Amino acid sequence: MPDNQLTIGDIVKQTGYPFHRIQYFLKSLKIKPQCKLGQARVFTAQDADKIKKYIERLDSERGTKS
């Protein structure tokens, strides 16, 4: 799979955030997969960056960290 195509597991490894948190923000930010490979949903690197920045901003506002 090319570097710009990521599964949720890849995003978890890249960001260090828990699986359930990535899933929650994919759903709440209404980020749709680029495509599916078998059962795996594939997202872009830009999607991963959007999630990471959003979580970092929320954590900063709340004074918490994952």
N, C-alpha and C. Protein backbone atom coordinates (compact mmCIF):
# COMPACT_ATOMS: atom_id res chain seq x y z
N MET A 1 0.85 -1.17 0.00
CA MET A 1 0.00 0.00 0.00
C MET A 1 0.90 1.24 0.00
N PRO A 2 0.62 2.24 -0.83
CA PRO A 2 1.44 3.46 -0.87
C PRO A 2 1.42 4.20 0.47
N ASP A 3 2.45 5.02 0.70
CA ASP A 3 2.59 5.75 1.97
C ASP A 3 1.41 6.68 2.25
N ASN A 4 0.76 7.18 1.20
CA ASN A 4 -0.33 8.13 1.42
C ASN A 4 -1.66 7.43 1.66
N GLN A 5 -1.67 6.10 1.69
CA GLN A 5 -2.88 5.34 1.99
C GLN A 5 -2.70 4.63 3.32
N LEU A 6 -3.60 4.91 4.25
CA LEU A 6 -3.46 4.39 5.61
C LEU A 6 -4.75 3.73 6.09
N THR A 7 -4.60 2.63 6.80
CA THR A 7 -5.73 2.02 7.49
C THR A 7 -5.83 2.68 8.86
N ILE A 8 -6.89 2.37 9.59
CA ILE A 8 -7.03 2.92 10.94
C ILE A 8 -5.85 2.47 11.80
N GLY A 9 -5.43 1.22 11.64
CA GLY A 9 -4.27 0.72 12.39
C GLY A 9 -3.01 1.51 12.10
N ASP A 10 -2.82 1.88 10.83
CA ASP A 10 -1.67 2.71 10.46
C ASP A 10 -1.74 4.08 11.12
N ILE A 11 -2.95 4.65 11.16
CA ILE A 11 -3.13 5.97 11.78
C ILE A 11 -2.84 5.88 13.27
N VAL A 12 -3.28 4.79 13.90
CA VAL A 12 -3.00 4.58 15.33
C VAL A 12 -1.49 4.54 15.57
N LYS A 13 -0.77 3.77 14.75
CA LYS A 13 0.69 3.68 14.90
C LYS A 13 1.36 5.03 14.66
N GLN A 14 0.88 5.75 13.66
CA GLN A 14 1.49 7.02 13.29
C GLN A 14 1.26 8.10 14.35
N THR A 15 0.06 8.13 14.92
CA THR A 15 -0.28 9.20 15.86
C THR A 15 -0.02 8.83 17.32
N GLY A 16 -0.08 7.54 17.63
CA GLY A 16 0.08 7.11 19.02
C GLY A 16 -1.20 7.21 19.84
N TYR A 17 -2.31 7.57 19.19
CA TYR A 17 -3.59 7.66 19.90
C TYR A 17 -4.30 6.31 19.85
N PRO A 18 -5.13 6.02 20.86
CA PRO A 18 -5.83 4.73 20.90
C PRO A 18 -6.79 4.55 19.72
N PHE A 19 -6.99 3.29 19.35
CA PHE A 19 -7.85 2.91 18.24
C PHE A 19 -9.24 3.54 18.36
N HIS A 20 -9.84 3.41 19.56
CA HIS A 20 -11.21 3.91 19.73
C HIS A 20 -11.30 5.42 19.54
N ARG A 21 -10.24 6.12 19.88
CA ARG A 21 -10.25 7.58 19.72
C ARG A 21 -10.17 7.97 18.24
N ILE A 22 -9.37 7.25 17.48
CA ILE A 22 -9.28 7.50 16.04
C ILE A 22 -10.63 7.20 15.38
N GLN A 23 -11.24 6.08 15.74
CA GLN A 23 -12.55 5.73 15.18
C GLN A 23 -13.59 6.80 15.51
N TYR A 24 -13.57 7.27 16.75
CA TYR A 24 -14.54 8.29 17.16
C TYR A 24 -14.39 9.56 16.33
N PHE A 25 -13.16 10.01 16.12
CA PHE A 25 -12.97 11.25 15.37
C PHE A 25 -13.19 11.07 13.87
N LEU A 26 -12.94 9.89 13.33
CA LEU A 26 -13.29 9.64 11.93
C LEU A 26 -14.79 9.82 11.75
N LYS A 27 -15.54 9.28 12.70
CA LYS A 27 -16.99 9.38 12.61
C LYS A 27 -17.49 10.80 12.89
N SER A 28 -17.00 11.43 13.95
CA SER A 28 -17.49 12.75 14.32
C SER A 28 -17.07 13.84 13.34
N LEU A 29 -15.90 13.69 12.71
CA LEU A 29 -15.45 14.66 11.71
C LEU A 29 -15.97 14.30 10.32
N LYS A 30 -16.74 13.21 10.25
CA LYS A 30 -17.33 12.73 8.99
C LYS A 30 -16.29 12.53 7.89
N ILE A 31 -15.18 11.91 8.28
CA ILE A 31 -14.12 11.60 7.32
C ILE A 31 -14.44 10.24 6.71
N LYS A 32 -14.61 10.23 5.42
CA LYS A 32 -14.95 9.01 4.70
C LYS A 32 -13.67 8.36 4.17
N PRO A 33 -13.66 7.03 4.10
CA PRO A 33 -12.49 6.36 3.55
C PRO A 33 -12.31 6.70 2.07
N GLN A 34 -11.07 6.73 1.66
CA GLN A 34 -10.74 6.95 0.25
C GLN A 34 -11.25 5.77 -0.58
N CYS A 35 -11.06 4.57 -0.02
CA CYS A 35 -11.53 3.34 -0.68
C CYS A 35 -11.49 2.22 0.35
N LYS A 36 -11.83 1.03 -0.08
CA LYS A 36 -11.74 -0.15 0.77
C LYS A 36 -10.87 -1.18 0.07
N LEU A 37 -10.02 -1.82 0.83
CA LEU A 37 -9.23 -2.95 0.35
C LEU A 37 -9.68 -4.15 1.15
N GLY A 38 -10.51 -4.97 0.55
CA GLY A 38 -11.14 -6.05 1.30
C GLY A 38 -12.07 -5.43 2.31
N GLN A 39 -11.86 -5.73 3.59
CA GLN A 39 -12.66 -5.15 4.66
C GLN A 39 -12.03 -3.89 5.25
N ALA A 40 -10.79 -3.60 4.89
CA ALA A 40 -10.05 -2.47 5.47
C ALA A 40 -10.45 -1.16 4.80
N ARG A 41 -10.78 -0.18 5.62
CA ARG A 41 -11.05 1.16 5.10
C ARG A 41 -9.71 1.88 4.97
N VAL A 42 -9.52 2.56 3.86
CA VAL A 42 -8.25 3.22 3.56
C VAL A 42 -8.46 4.73 3.56
N PHE A 43 -7.60 5.42 4.31
CA PHE A 43 -7.68 6.87 4.43
C PHE A 43 -6.39 7.49 3.90
N THR A 44 -6.41 8.79 3.69
CA THR A 44 -5.23 9.48 3.18
C THR A 44 -4.37 9.98 4.34
N ALA A 45 -3.14 10.34 4.03
CA ALA A 45 -2.24 10.92 5.04
C ALA A 45 -2.82 12.26 5.52
N GLN A 46 -3.51 12.97 4.65
CA GLN A 46 -4.13 14.24 5.04
C GLN A 46 -5.24 14.00 6.07
N ASP A 47 -5.97 12.91 5.92
CA ASP A 47 -6.99 12.56 6.92
C ASP A 47 -6.34 12.32 8.28
N ALA A 48 -5.22 11.60 8.28
CA ALA A 48 -4.50 11.31 9.53
C ALA A 48 -4.01 12.60 10.16
N ASP A 49 -3.49 13.52 9.36
CA ASP A 49 -3.02 14.80 9.89
C ASP A 49 -4.17 15.60 10.48
N LYS A 50 -5.31 15.59 9.80
CA LYS A 50 -6.49 16.32 10.28
C LYS A 50 -6.92 15.80 11.65
N ILE A 51 -6.95 14.48 11.79
CA ILE A 51 -7.34 13.87 13.07
C ILE A 51 -6.34 14.23 14.16
N LYS A 52 -5.05 14.08 13.85
CA LYS A 52 -4.01 14.36 14.85
C LYS A 52 -4.08 15.81 15.32
N LYS A 53 -4.22 16.75 14.40
CA LYS A 53 -4.30 18.17 14.76
C LYS A 53 -5.55 18.46 15.58
N TYR A 54 -6.66 17.84 15.24
CA TYR A 54 -7.90 18.04 15.97
C TYR A 54 -7.78 17.52 17.40
N ILE A 55 -7.22 16.32 17.55
CA ILE A 55 -7.06 15.75 18.90
C ILE A 55 -6.08 16.61 19.72
N GLU A 56 -4.98 17.03 19.12
CA GLU A 56 -4.02 17.88 19.82
C GLU A 56 -4.66 19.18 20.28
N ARG A 57 -5.48 19.77 19.42
CA ARG A 57 -6.16 21.01 19.79
C ARG A 57 -7.13 20.78 20.95
N LEU A 58 -7.91 19.70 20.88
CA LEU A 58 -8.84 19.39 21.97
C LEU A 58 -8.09 19.16 23.29
N ASP A 59 -7.02 18.37 23.22
CA ASP A 59 -6.24 18.09 24.42
C ASP A 59 -5.65 19.37 25.00
N SER A 60 -5.20 20.25 24.14
CA SER A 60 -4.64 21.52 24.59
C SER A 60 -5.70 22.38 25.28
N GLU A 61 -6.88 22.44 24.69
CA GLU A 61 -7.98 23.23 25.27
C GLU A 61 -8.40 22.66 26.63
N ARG A 62 -8.38 21.34 26.74
CA ARG A 62 -8.81 20.68 27.98
C ARG A 62 -7.69 20.53 29.00
N GLY A 63 -6.47 20.73 28.54
CA GLY A 63 -5.33 20.55 29.43
C GLY A 63 -5.06 19.08 29.72
N THR A 64 -5.42 18.21 28.75
CA THR A 64 -5.23 16.77 28.92
C THR A 64 -4.35 16.24 27.79
N LYS A 65 -3.95 15.01 27.91
CA LYS A 65 -3.21 14.33 26.86
C LYS A 65 -3.61 12.88 26.85
N SER A 66 -3.70 12.28 25.64
CA SER A 66 -4.09 10.87 25.51
C SER A 66 -3.13 9.96 26.22
